[in-house]
PDB file of N, CA and C in Angstrom:
ATOM      1  N   UNK A   1       3.405   5.140 -26.692  1.00  0.00           N
ATOM      2  CA  UNK A   1       2.361   5.360 -25.715  1.00  0.00           C
ATOM      3  C   UNK A   1       2.896   6.078 -24.493  1.00  0.00           C
ATOM      4  N   UNK A   2       4.120   5.731 -24.082  1.00  0.00           N
ATOM      5  CA  UNK A   2       4.695   6.375 -22.902  1.00  0.00           C
ATOM      6  C   UNK A   2       4.881   7.859 -23.149  1.00  0.00           C
ATOM      7  N   UNK A   3       5.237   8.248 -24.362  1.00  0.00           N
ATOM      8  CA  UNK A   3       5.404   9.654 -24.699  1.00  0.00           C
ATOM      9  C   UNK A   3       4.108  10.423 -24.584  1.00  0.00           C
ATOM     10  N   UNK A   4       3.021   9.805 -25.038  1.00  0.00           N
ATOM     11  CA  UNK A   4       1.717  10.447 -24.948  1.00  0.00           C
ATOM     12  C   UNK A   4       1.309  10.620 -23.490  1.00  0.00           C
ATOM     13  N   UNK A   5       1.576   9.622 -22.653  1.00  0.00           N
ATOM     14  CA  UNK A   5       1.268   9.723 -21.225  1.00  0.00           C
ATOM     15  C   UNK A   5       2.084  10.831 -20.573  1.00  0.00           C
ATOM     16  N   UNK A   6       3.350  10.971 -20.983  1.00  0.00           N
ATOM     17  CA  UNK A   6       4.202  12.029 -20.437  1.00  0.00           C
ATOM     18  C   UNK A   6       3.647  13.399 -20.807  1.00  0.00           C
ATOM     19  N   UNK A   7       3.255  13.571 -22.070  1.00  0.00           N
ATOM     20  CA  UNK A   7       2.706  14.848 -22.528  1.00  0.00           C
ATOM     21  C   UNK A   7       1.411  15.153 -21.793  1.00  0.00           C
ATOM     22  N   UNK A   8       0.566  14.139 -21.635  1.00  0.00           N
ATOM     23  CA  UNK A   8      -0.690  14.309 -20.908  1.00  0.00           C
ATOM     24  C   UNK A   8      -0.403  14.737 -19.474  1.00  0.00           C
ATOM     25  N   UNK A   9       0.523  14.071 -18.818  1.00  0.00           N
ATOM     26  CA  UNK A   9       0.873  14.407 -17.438  1.00  0.00           C
ATOM     27  C   UNK A   9       1.451  15.805 -17.325  1.00  0.00           C
ATOM     28  N   UNK A  10       2.275  16.185 -18.294  1.00  0.00           N
ATOM     29  CA  UNK A  10       2.879  17.518 -18.279  1.00  0.00           C
ATOM     30  C   UNK A  10       1.816  18.595 -18.461  1.00  0.00           C
ATOM     31  N   UNK A  11       0.862  18.358 -19.343  1.00  0.00           N
ATOM     32  CA  UNK A  11      -0.205  19.334 -19.563  1.00  0.00           C
ATOM     33  C   UNK A  11      -1.054  19.498 -18.318  1.00  0.00           C
ATOM     34  N   UNK A  12      -1.389  18.386 -17.688  1.00  0.00           N
ATOM     35  CA  UNK A  12      -2.187  18.439 -16.465  1.00  0.00           C
ATOM     36  C   UNK A  12      -1.389  19.113 -15.359  1.00  0.00           C
ATOM     37  N   UNK A  13      -0.137  18.728 -15.221  1.00  0.00           N
ATOM     38  CA  UNK A  13       0.713  19.324 -14.192  1.00  0.00           C
ATOM     39  C   UNK A  13       0.845  20.822 -14.371  1.00  0.00           C
ATOM     40  N   UNK A  14       1.011  21.252 -15.599  1.00  0.00           N
ATOM     41  CA  UNK A  14       1.113  22.681 -15.871  1.00  0.00           C
ATOM     42  C   UNK A  14      -0.161  23.422 -15.533  1.00  0.00           C
ATOM     43  N   UNK A  15      -1.293  22.829 -15.876  1.00  0.00           N
ATOM     44  CA  UNK A  15      -2.577  23.454 -15.589  1.00  0.00           C
ATOM     45  C   UNK A  15      -2.818  23.532 -14.092  1.00  0.00           C
ATOM     46  N   UNK A  16      -2.581  22.432 -13.382  1.00  0.00           N
ATOM     47  CA  UNK A  16      -2.744  22.443 -11.928  1.00  0.00           C
ATOM     48  C   UNK A  16      -1.746  23.429 -11.321  1.00  0.00           C
ATOM     49  N   UNK A  17      -0.574  23.546 -11.910  1.00  0.00           N
ATOM     50  CA  UNK A  17       0.430  24.495 -11.430  1.00  0.00           C
ATOM     51  C   UNK A  17      -0.032  25.936 -11.535  1.00  0.00           C
ATOM     52  N   UNK A  18      -0.706  26.270 -12.614  1.00  0.00           N
ATOM     53  CA  UNK A  18      -1.245  27.619 -12.779  1.00  0.00           C
ATOM     54  C   UNK A  18      -2.264  27.903 -11.689  1.00  0.00           C
ATOM     55  N   UNK A  19      -3.125  26.933 -11.426  1.00  0.00           N
ATOM     56  CA  UNK A  19      -4.122  27.083 -10.368  1.00  0.00           C
ATOM     57  C   UNK A  19      -3.425  27.236  -9.021  1.00  0.00           C
ATOM     58  N   UNK A  20      -2.438  26.395  -8.777  1.00  0.00           N
ATOM     59  CA  UNK A  20      -1.714  26.439  -7.506  1.00  0.00           C
ATOM     60  C   UNK A  20      -0.966  27.756  -7.352  1.00  0.00           C
ATOM     61  N   UNK A  21      -0.479  28.320  -8.431  1.00  0.00           N
ATOM     62  CA  UNK A  21       0.210  29.602  -8.365  1.00  0.00           C
ATOM     63  C   UNK A  21      -0.698  30.708  -7.873  1.00  0.00           C
ATOM     64  N   UNK A  22      -1.952  30.666  -8.289  1.00  0.00           N
ATOM     65  CA  UNK A  22      -2.913  31.651  -7.807  1.00  0.00           C
ATOM     66  C   UNK A  22      -3.145  31.496  -6.309  1.00  0.00           C
ATOM     67  N   UNK A  23      -3.125  30.264  -5.847  1.00  0.00           N
ATOM     68  CA  UNK A  23      -3.320  29.983  -4.428  1.00  0.00           C
ATOM     69  C   UNK A  23      -2.164  30.556  -3.613  1.00  0.00           C
ATOM     70  N   UNK A  24      -0.978  30.507  -4.149  1.00  0.00           N
ATOM     71  CA  UNK A  24       0.211  30.952  -3.418  1.00  0.00           C
ATOM     72  C   UNK A  24       0.075  32.395  -2.952  1.00  0.00           C
ATOM     73  N   UNK A  25      -0.488  33.246  -3.765  1.00  0.00           N
ATOM     74  CA  UNK A  25      -0.674  34.638  -3.374  1.00  0.00           C
ATOM     75  C   UNK A  25      -1.530  34.778  -2.135  1.00  0.00           C
ATOM     76  N   UNK A  26      -2.563  33.982  -2.040  1.00  0.00           N
ATOM     77  CA  UNK A  26      -3.437  34.010  -0.869  1.00  0.00           C
ATOM     78  C   UNK A  26      -2.698  33.507   0.358  1.00  0.00           C
ATOM     79  N   UNK A  27      -1.940  32.463   0.213  1.00  0.00           N
ATOM     80  CA  UNK A  27      -1.265  31.870   1.361  1.00  0.00           C
ATOM     81  C   UNK A  27      -0.121  32.721   1.882  1.00  0.00           C
ATOM     82  N   UNK A  28       0.570  33.404   1.009  1.00  0.00           N
ATOM     83  CA  UNK A  28       1.749  34.143   1.450  1.00  0.00           C
ATOM     84  C   UNK A  28       1.397  35.464   2.107  1.00  0.00           C
ATOM     85  N   UNK A  29       0.299  36.058   1.764  1.00  0.00           N
ATOM     86  CA  UNK A  29      -0.031  37.386   2.266  1.00  0.00           C
ATOM     87  C   UNK A  29      -0.022  37.494   3.798  1.00  0.00           C
ATOM     88  N   UNK A  30      -0.745  36.657   4.527  1.00  0.00           N
ATOM     89  CA  UNK A  30      -0.821  36.861   5.976  1.00  0.00           C
ATOM     90  C   UNK A  30       0.291  36.194   6.780  1.00  0.00           C
ATOM     91  N   UNK A  31       1.200  35.500   6.140  1.00  0.00           N
ATOM     92  CA  UNK A  31       2.191  34.706   6.869  1.00  0.00           C
ATOM     93  C   UNK A  31       3.455  35.498   7.168  1.00  0.00           C
ATOM     94  N   UNK A  32       3.823  35.587   8.443  1.00  0.00           N
ATOM     95  CA  UNK A  32       5.095  36.223   8.774  1.00  0.00           C
ATOM     96  C   UNK A  32       6.241  35.218   8.643  1.00  0.00           C
ATOM     97  N   UNK A  33       7.386  35.706   8.315  1.00  0.00           N
ATOM     98  CA  UNK A  33       8.566  34.847   8.316  1.00  0.00           C
ATOM     99  C   UNK A  33       8.843  34.200   6.984  1.00  0.00           C
ATOM    100  N   UNK A  34      10.065  34.391   6.516  1.00  0.00           N
ATOM    101  CA  UNK A  34      10.485  33.826   5.232  1.00  0.00           C
ATOM    102  C   UNK A  34      10.450  32.305   5.254  1.00  0.00           C
ATOM    103  N   UNK A  35      10.850  31.706   6.362  1.00  0.00           N
ATOM    104  CA  UNK A  35      10.892  30.243   6.449  1.00  0.00           C
ATOM    105  C   UNK A  35       9.494  29.641   6.338  1.00  0.00           C
ATOM    106  N   UNK A  36       8.523  30.256   7.003  1.00  0.00           N
ATOM    107  CA  UNK A  36       7.142  29.768   6.935  1.00  0.00           C
ATOM    108  C   UNK A  36       6.620  29.854   5.506  1.00  0.00           C
ATOM    109  N   UNK A  37       6.890  30.965   4.846  1.00  0.00           N
ATOM    110  CA  UNK A  37       6.435  31.117   3.454  1.00  0.00           C
ATOM    111  C   UNK A  37       7.093  30.078   2.549  1.00  0.00           C
ATOM    112  N   UNK A  38       8.358  29.804   2.784  1.00  0.00           N
ATOM    113  CA  UNK A  38       9.077  28.806   1.981  1.00  0.00           C
ATOM    114  C   UNK A  38       8.495  27.408   2.200  1.00  0.00           C
ATOM    115  N   UNK A  39       8.172  27.077   3.449  1.00  0.00           N
ATOM    116  CA  UNK A  39       7.547  25.783   3.747  1.00  0.00           C
ATOM    117  C   UNK A  39       6.219  25.648   3.021  1.00  0.00           C
ATOM    118  N   UNK A  40       5.401  26.681   3.084  1.00  0.00           N
ATOM    119  CA  UNK A  40       4.089  26.639   2.433  1.00  0.00           C
ATOM    120  C   UNK A  40       4.264  26.504   0.920  1.00  0.00           C
ATOM    121  N   UNK A  41       5.229  27.218   0.362  1.00  0.00           N
ATOM    122  CA  UNK A  41       5.496  27.114  -1.079  1.00  0.00           C
ATOM    123  C   UNK A  41       5.861  25.677  -1.447  1.00  0.00           C
ATOM    124  N   UNK A  42       6.704  25.054  -0.643  1.00  0.00           N
ATOM    125  CA  UNK A  42       7.087  23.661  -0.900  1.00  0.00           C
ATOM    126  C   UNK A  42       5.892  22.728  -0.806  1.00  0.00           C
ATOM    127  N   UNK A  43       5.058  22.907   0.215  1.00  0.00           N
ATOM    128  CA  UNK A  43       3.868  22.058   0.365  1.00  0.00           C
ATOM    129  C   UNK A  43       2.920  22.265  -0.808  1.00  0.00           C
ATOM    130  N   UNK A  44       2.773  23.505  -1.244  1.00  0.00           N
ATOM    131  CA  UNK A  44       1.900  23.801  -2.369  1.00  0.00           C
ATOM    132  C   UNK A  44       2.385  23.096  -3.633  1.00  0.00           C
ATOM    133  N   UNK A  45       3.683  23.113  -3.869  1.00  0.00           N
ATOM    134  CA  UNK A  45       4.235  22.401  -5.028  1.00  0.00           C
ATOM    135  C   UNK A  45       4.013  20.896  -4.916  1.00  0.00           C
ATOM    136  N   UNK A  46       4.171  20.355  -3.724  1.00  0.00           N
ATOM    137  CA  UNK A  46       3.924  18.924  -3.518  1.00  0.00           C
ATOM    138  C   UNK A  46       2.459  18.589  -3.777  1.00  0.00           C
ATOM    139  N   UNK A  47       1.549  19.420  -3.269  1.00  0.00           N
ATOM    140  CA  UNK A  47       0.113  19.200  -3.475  1.00  0.00           C
ATOM    141  C   UNK A  47      -0.194  19.225  -4.966  1.00  0.00           C
ATOM    142  N   UNK A  48       0.325  20.226  -5.664  1.00  0.00           N
ATOM    143  CA  UNK A  48       0.106  20.350  -7.110  1.00  0.00           C
ATOM    144  C   UNK A  48       0.566  19.092  -7.831  1.00  0.00           C
ATOM    145  N   UNK A  49       1.771  18.631  -7.504  1.00  0.00           N
ATOM    146  CA  UNK A  49       2.318  17.443  -8.162  1.00  0.00           C
ATOM    147  C   UNK A  49       1.485  16.196  -7.877  1.00  0.00           C
ATOM    148  N   UNK A  50       1.048  16.040  -6.643  1.00  0.00           N
ATOM    149  CA  UNK A  50       0.260  14.856  -6.281  1.00  0.00           C
ATOM    150  C   UNK A  50      -1.107  14.874  -6.948  1.00  0.00           C
ATOM    151  N   UNK A  51      -1.754  16.040  -6.984  1.00  0.00           N
ATOM    152  CA  UNK A  51      -3.054  16.136  -7.659  1.00  0.00           C
ATOM    153  C   UNK A  51      -2.872  15.842  -9.146  1.00  0.00           C
ATOM    154  N   UNK A  52      -1.861  16.442  -9.772  1.00  0.00           N
ATOM    155  CA  UNK A  52      -1.623  16.220 -11.205  1.00  0.00           C
ATOM    156  C   UNK A  52      -1.351  14.752 -11.496  1.00  0.00           C
ATOM    157  N   UNK A  53      -0.551  14.106 -10.678  1.00  0.00           N
ATOM    158  CA  UNK A  53      -0.229  12.681 -10.869  1.00  0.00           C
ATOM    159  C   UNK A  53      -1.488  11.830 -10.783  1.00  0.00           C
ATOM    160  N   UNK A  54      -2.289  12.061  -9.745  1.00  0.00           N
ATOM    161  CA  UNK A  54      -3.490  11.251  -9.569  1.00  0.00           C
ATOM    162  C   UNK A  54      -4.513  11.524 -10.661  1.00  0.00           C
ATOM    163  N   UNK A  55      -4.624  12.774 -11.094  1.00  0.00           N
ATOM    164  CA  UNK A  55      -5.562  13.107 -12.168  1.00  0.00           C
ATOM    165  C   UNK A  55      -5.132  12.431 -13.465  1.00  0.00           C
ATOM    166  N   UNK A  56      -3.834  12.425 -13.754  1.00  0.00           N
ATOM    167  CA  UNK A  56      -3.369  11.822 -15.008  1.00  0.00           C
ATOM    168  C   UNK A  56      -3.538  10.305 -15.014  1.00  0.00           C
ATOM    169  N   UNK A  57      -3.663   9.698 -13.843  1.00  0.00           N
ATOM    170  CA  UNK A  57      -3.861   8.250 -13.751  1.00  0.00           C
ATOM    171  C   UNK A  57      -5.322   7.830 -13.913  1.00  0.00           C
ATOM    172  N   UNK A  58      -6.240   8.790 -13.892  1.00  0.00           N
ATOM    173  CA  UNK A  58      -7.670   8.488 -13.985  1.00  0.00           C
ATOM    174  C   UNK A  58      -8.069   8.441 -15.452  1.00  0.00           C
ATOM    175  N   UNK A  59      -8.744   7.365 -15.844  1.00  0.00           N
ATOM    176  CA  UNK A  59      -9.121   7.233 -17.253  1.00  0.00           C
ATOM    177  C   UNK A  59     -10.300   8.138 -17.615  1.00  0.00           C
ATOM    178  N   UNK A  60     -11.246   8.310 -16.730  1.00  0.00           N
ATOM    179  CA  UNK A  60     -12.423   9.144 -16.982  1.00  0.00           C
ATOM    180  C   UNK A  60     -12.550  10.144 -15.839  1.00  0.00           C
ATOM    181  N   UNK A  61     -12.082  11.371 -16.073  1.00  0.00           N
ATOM    182  CA  UNK A  61     -12.089  12.378 -15.017  1.00  0.00           C
ATOM    183  C   UNK A  61     -13.404  13.142 -15.021  1.00  0.00           C
ATOM    184  N   UNK A  62     -14.155  12.987 -13.958  1.00  0.00           N
ATOM    185  CA  UNK A  62     -15.374  13.760 -13.764  1.00  0.00           C
ATOM    186  C   UNK A  62     -15.087  14.853 -12.744  1.00  0.00           C
ATOM    187  N   UNK A  63     -15.981  15.811 -12.645  1.00  0.00           N
ATOM    188  CA  UNK A  63     -15.839  16.874 -11.648  1.00  0.00           C
ATOM    189  C   UNK A  63     -15.783  16.269 -10.245  1.00  0.00           C
ATOM    190  N   UNK A  64     -16.613  15.265 -10.006  1.00  0.00           N
ATOM    191  CA  UNK A  64     -16.652  14.628  -8.690  1.00  0.00           C
ATOM    192  C   UNK A  64     -15.339  13.910  -8.379  1.00  0.00           C
ATOM    193  N   UNK A  65     -14.787  13.208  -9.350  1.00  0.00           N
ATOM    194  CA  UNK A  65     -13.527  12.493  -9.145  1.00  0.00           C
ATOM    195  C   UNK A  65     -12.387  13.481  -8.904  1.00  0.00           C
ATOM    196  N   UNK A  66     -12.369  14.576  -9.652  1.00  0.00           N
ATOM    197  CA  UNK A  66     -11.341  15.603  -9.471  1.00  0.00           C
ATOM    198  C   UNK A  66     -11.435  16.213  -8.067  1.00  0.00           C
ATOM    199  N   UNK A  67     -12.663  16.521  -7.630  1.00  0.00           N
ATOM    200  CA  UNK A  67     -12.858  17.081  -6.286  1.00  0.00           C
ATOM    201  C   UNK A  67     -12.414  16.085  -5.222  1.00  0.00           C
ATOM    202  N   UNK A  68     -12.693  14.809  -5.452  1.00  0.00           N
ATOM    203  CA  UNK A  68     -12.285  13.759  -4.510  1.00  0.00           C
ATOM    204  C   UNK A  68     -10.756  13.687  -4.406  1.00  0.00           C
ATOM    205  N   UNK A  69     -10.079  13.727  -5.539  1.00  0.00           N
ATOM    206  CA  UNK A  69      -8.613  13.683  -5.551  1.00  0.00           C
ATOM    207  C   UNK A  69      -8.047  14.905  -4.832  1.00  0.00           C
ATOM    208  N   UNK A  70      -8.544  16.086  -5.183  1.00  0.00           N
ATOM    209  CA  UNK A  70      -8.061  17.320  -4.557  1.00  0.00           C
ATOM    210  C   UNK A  70      -8.266  17.282  -3.051  1.00  0.00           C
ATOM    211  N   UNK A  71      -9.452  16.871  -2.639  1.00  0.00           N
ATOM    212  CA  UNK A  71      -9.775  16.816  -1.210  1.00  0.00           C
ATOM    213  C   UNK A  71      -8.849  15.846  -0.473  1.00  0.00           C
ATOM    214  N   UNK A  72      -8.635  14.702  -1.058  1.00  0.00           N
ATOM    215  CA  UNK A  72      -7.789  13.679  -0.430  1.00  0.00           C
ATOM    216  C   UNK A  72      -6.358  14.179  -0.238  1.00  0.00           C
ATOM    217  N   UNK A  73      -5.788  14.783  -1.267  1.00  0.00           N
ATOM    218  CA  UNK A  73      -4.405  15.262  -1.190  1.00  0.00           C
ATOM    219  C   UNK A  73      -4.290  16.416  -0.191  1.00  0.00           C
ATOM    220  N   UNK A  74      -5.185  17.396  -0.288  1.00  0.00           N
ATOM    221  CA  UNK A  74      -5.124  18.553   0.609  1.00  0.00           C
ATOM    222  C   UNK A  74      -5.375  18.128   2.051  1.00  0.00           C
ATOM    223  N   UNK A  75      -6.333  17.233   2.261  1.00  0.00           N
ATOM    224  CA  UNK A  75      -6.630  16.756   3.619  1.00  0.00           C
ATOM    225  C   UNK A  75      -5.432  16.071   4.249  1.00  0.00           C
ATOM    226  N   UNK A  76      -4.681  15.342   3.457  1.00  0.00           N
ATOM    227  CA  UNK A  76      -3.485  14.677   3.970  1.00  0.00           C
ATOM    228  C   UNK A  76      -2.494  15.702   4.526  1.00  0.00           C
ATOM    229  N   UNK A  77      -2.283  16.783   3.802  1.00  0.00           N
ATOM    230  CA  UNK A  77      -1.368  17.830   4.279  1.00  0.00           C
ATOM    231  C   UNK A  77      -1.913  18.513   5.529  1.00  0.00           C
ATOM    232  N   UNK A  78      -3.213  18.741   5.559  1.00  0.00           N
ATOM    233  CA  UNK A  78      -3.825  19.344   6.746  1.00  0.00           C
ATOM    234  C   UNK A  78      -3.699  18.404   7.938  1.00  0.00           C
ATOM    235  N   UNK A  79      -3.973  17.132   7.731  1.00  0.00           N
ATOM    236  CA  UNK A  79      -3.905  16.155   8.821  1.00  0.00           C
ATOM    237  C   UNK A  79      -2.493  16.015   9.371  1.00  0.00           C
ATOM    238  N   UNK A  80      -1.501  16.194   8.522  1.00  0.00           N
ATOM    239  CA  UNK A  80      -0.105  16.130   8.960  1.00  0.00           C
ATOM    240  C   UNK A  80       0.356  17.458   9.568  1.00  0.00           C
ATOM    241  N   UNK A  81      -0.568  18.415   9.663  1.00  0.00           N
ATOM    242  CA  UNK A  81      -0.299  19.737  10.248  1.00  0.00           C
ATOM    243  C   UNK A  81       0.724  20.540   9.448  1.00  0.00           C
ATOM    244  N   UNK A  82       0.812  20.249   8.165  1.00  0.00           N
ATOM    245  CA  UNK A  82       1.720  21.014   7.311  1.00  0.00           C
ATOM    246  C   UNK A  82       1.067  22.312   6.853  1.00  0.00           C
ATOM    247  N   UNK A  83      -0.270  22.311   6.779  1.00  0.00           N
ATOM    248  CA  UNK A  83      -1.020  23.516   6.448  1.00  0.00           C
ATOM    249  C   UNK A  83      -2.184  23.621   7.416  1.00  0.00           C
ATOM    250  N   UNK A  84      -2.678  24.843   7.595  1.00  0.00           N
ATOM    251  CA  UNK A  84      -3.787  25.067   8.529  1.00  0.00           C
ATOM    252  C   UNK A  84      -5.116  24.683   7.881  1.00  0.00           C
ATOM    253  N   UNK A  85      -6.153  24.613   8.701  1.00  0.00           N
ATOM    254  CA  UNK A  85      -7.491  24.330   8.181  1.00  0.00           C
ATOM    255  C   UNK A  85      -7.917  25.400   7.178  1.00  0.00           C
ATOM    256  N   UNK A  86      -7.634  26.669   7.507  1.00  0.00           N
ATOM    257  CA  UNK A  86      -8.002  27.756   6.597  1.00  0.00           C
ATOM    258  C   UNK A  86      -7.264  27.640   5.267  1.00  0.00           C
ATOM    259  N   UNK A  87      -5.971  27.358   5.332  1.00  0.00           N
ATOM    260  CA  UNK A  87      -5.189  27.199   4.106  1.00  0.00           C
ATOM    261  C   UNK A  87      -5.701  26.017   3.291  1.00  0.00           C
ATOM    262  N   UNK A  88      -6.009  24.920   3.960  1.00  0.00           N
ATOM    263  CA  UNK A  88      -6.529  23.738   3.262  1.00  0.00           C
ATOM    264  C   UNK A  88      -7.825  24.073   2.540  1.00  0.00           C
ATOM    265  N   UNK A  89      -8.704  24.796   3.210  1.00  0.00           N
ATOM    266  CA  UNK A  89      -9.972  25.182   2.593  1.00  0.00           C
ATOM    267  C   UNK A  89      -9.774  26.046   1.363  1.00  0.00           C
ATOM    268  N   UNK A  90      -8.849  27.010   1.459  1.00  0.00           N
ATOM    269  CA  UNK A  90      -8.578  27.895   0.326  1.00  0.00           C
ATOM    270  C   UNK A  90      -7.952  27.134  -0.842  1.00  0.00           C
ATOM    271  N   UNK A  91      -7.016  26.269  -0.543  1.00  0.00           N
ATOM    272  CA  UNK A  91      -6.367  25.484  -1.598  1.00  0.00           C
ATOM    273  C   UNK A  91      -7.385  24.586  -2.287  1.00  0.00           C
ATOM    274  N   UNK A  92      -8.178  23.895  -1.492  1.00  0.00           N
ATOM    275  CA  UNK A  92      -9.166  22.974  -2.064  1.00  0.00           C
ATOM    276  C   UNK A  92     -10.186  23.720  -2.920  1.00  0.00           C
ATOM    277  N   UNK A  93     -10.642  24.869  -2.443  1.00  0.00           N
ATOM    278  CA  UNK A  93     -11.609  25.650  -3.209  1.00  0.00           C
ATOM    279  C   UNK A  93     -11.009  26.107  -4.538  1.00  0.00           C
ATOM    280  N   UNK A  94      -9.779  26.610  -4.505  1.00  0.00           N
ATOM    281  CA  UNK A  94      -9.139  27.062  -5.739  1.00  0.00           C
ATOM    282  C   UNK A  94      -8.885  25.905  -6.704  1.00  0.00           C
ATOM    283  N   UNK A  95      -8.480  24.759  -6.180  1.00  0.00           N
ATOM    284  CA  UNK A  95      -8.290  23.590  -7.047  1.00  0.00           C
ATOM    285  C   UNK A  95      -9.616  23.163  -7.662  1.00  0.00           C
ATOM    286  N   UNK A  96     -10.680  23.132  -6.861  1.00  0.00           N
ATOM    287  CA  UNK A  96     -11.993  22.743  -7.377  1.00  0.00           C
ATOM    288  C   UNK A  96     -12.471  23.710  -8.461  1.00  0.00           C
ATOM    289  N   UNK A  97     -12.214  25.000  -8.252  1.00  0.00           N
ATOM    290  CA  UNK A  97     -12.610  25.992  -9.254  1.00  0.00           C
ATOM    291  C   UNK A  97     -11.804  25.844 -10.547  1.00  0.00           C
ATOM    292  N   UNK A  98     -10.663  25.176 -10.483  1.00  0.00           N
ATOM    293  CA  UNK A  98      -9.831  24.977 -11.661  1.00  0.00           C
ATOM    294  C   UNK A  98     -10.165  23.737 -12.466  1.00  0.00           C
ATOM    295  N   UNK A  99     -11.219  23.026 -12.097  1.00  0.00           N
ATOM    296  CA  UNK A  99     -11.564  21.776 -12.794  1.00  0.00           C
ATOM    297  C   UNK A  99     -11.696  21.980 -14.302  1.00  0.00           C
ATOM    298  N   UNK A 100     -12.389  23.031 -14.712  1.00  0.00           N
ATOM    299  CA  UNK A 100     -12.628  23.234 -16.144  1.00  0.00           C
ATOM    300  C   UNK A 100     -11.318  23.379 -16.918  1.00  0.00           C
ATOM    301  N   UNK A 101     -10.322  24.029 -16.314  1.00  0.00           N
ATOM    302  CA  UNK A 101      -9.023  24.182 -16.973  1.00  0.00           C
ATOM    303  C   UNK A 101      -8.313  22.831 -17.081  1.00  0.00           C
ATOM    304  N   UNK A 102      -8.400  22.033 -16.035  1.00  0.00           N
ATOM    305  CA  UNK A 102      -7.778  20.704 -16.059  1.00  0.00           C
ATOM    306  C   UNK A 102      -8.485  19.827 -17.086  1.00  0.00           C
ATOM    307  N   UNK A 103      -9.810  19.887 -17.107  1.00  0.00           N
ATOM    308  CA  UNK A 103     -10.591  19.102 -18.069  1.00  0.00           C
ATOM    309  C   UNK A 103     -10.223  19.502 -19.493  1.00  0.00           C
ATOM    310  N   UNK A 104     -10.072  20.798 -19.742  1.00  0.00           N
ATOM    311  CA  UNK A 104      -9.708  21.277 -21.077  1.00  0.00           C
ATOM    312  C   UNK A 104      -8.316  20.778 -21.469  1.00  0.00           C
ATOM    313  N   UNK A 105      -7.383  20.766 -20.521  1.00  0.00           N
ATOM    314  CA  UNK A 105      -6.033  20.254 -20.805  1.00  0.00           C
ATOM    315  C   UNK A 105      -6.083  18.774 -21.144  1.00  0.00           C
ATOM    316  N   UNK A 106      -6.910  18.029 -20.435  1.00  0.00           N
ATOM    317  CA  UNK A 106      -7.066  16.600 -20.719  1.00  0.00           C
ATOM    318  C   UNK A 106      -7.658  16.386 -22.105  1.00  0.00           C
ATOM    319  N   UNK A 107      -8.709  17.131 -22.423  1.00  0.00           N
ATOM    320  CA  UNK A 107      -9.376  16.980 -23.716  1.00  0.00           C
ATOM    321  C   UNK A 107      -8.434  17.330 -24.863  1.00  0.00           C
ATOM    322  N   UNK A 108      -7.604  18.329 -24.660  1.00  0.00           N
ATOM    323  CA  UNK A 108      -6.656  18.758 -25.690  1.00  0.00           C
ATOM    324  C   UNK A 108      -5.622  17.673 -25.979  1.00  0.00           C
ATOM    325  N   UNK A 109      -5.241  16.927 -24.949  1.00  0.00           N
ATOM    326  CA  UNK A 109      -4.206  15.902 -25.095  1.00  0.00           C
ATOM    327  C   UNK A 109      -4.746  14.576 -25.607  1.00  0.00           C
ATOM    328  N   UNK A 110      -6.059  14.388 -25.583  1.00  0.00           N
ATOM    329  CA  UNK A 110      -6.637  13.093 -25.997  1.00  0.00           C
ATOM    330  C   UNK A 110      -6.815  12.994 -27.478  1.00  0.00           C
TER     331      UNK A 110
END
């Protein structure tokens, strides 16, 4: 059973990672400074991992539950001033638009 959970988590993580990778292009474009871009990249990876972890822990993932998880994780980073309001909005929108891909990854693993 643990192996199946690992595979499920890896599939979800990979799918959320693809979505997060698309977000990275938007975030890096207007940002000056290599250090700032590196910080944002690190935060984006953390957000991806946290969303994937929480999604894999949910037994019945609905669009609403996925949006709630994404919003909660992204809001935490915004509240800690690690990302701007604009960046948070873009990340959350892109994650929400990726629900169908995450749902498909879940269905494939079940």
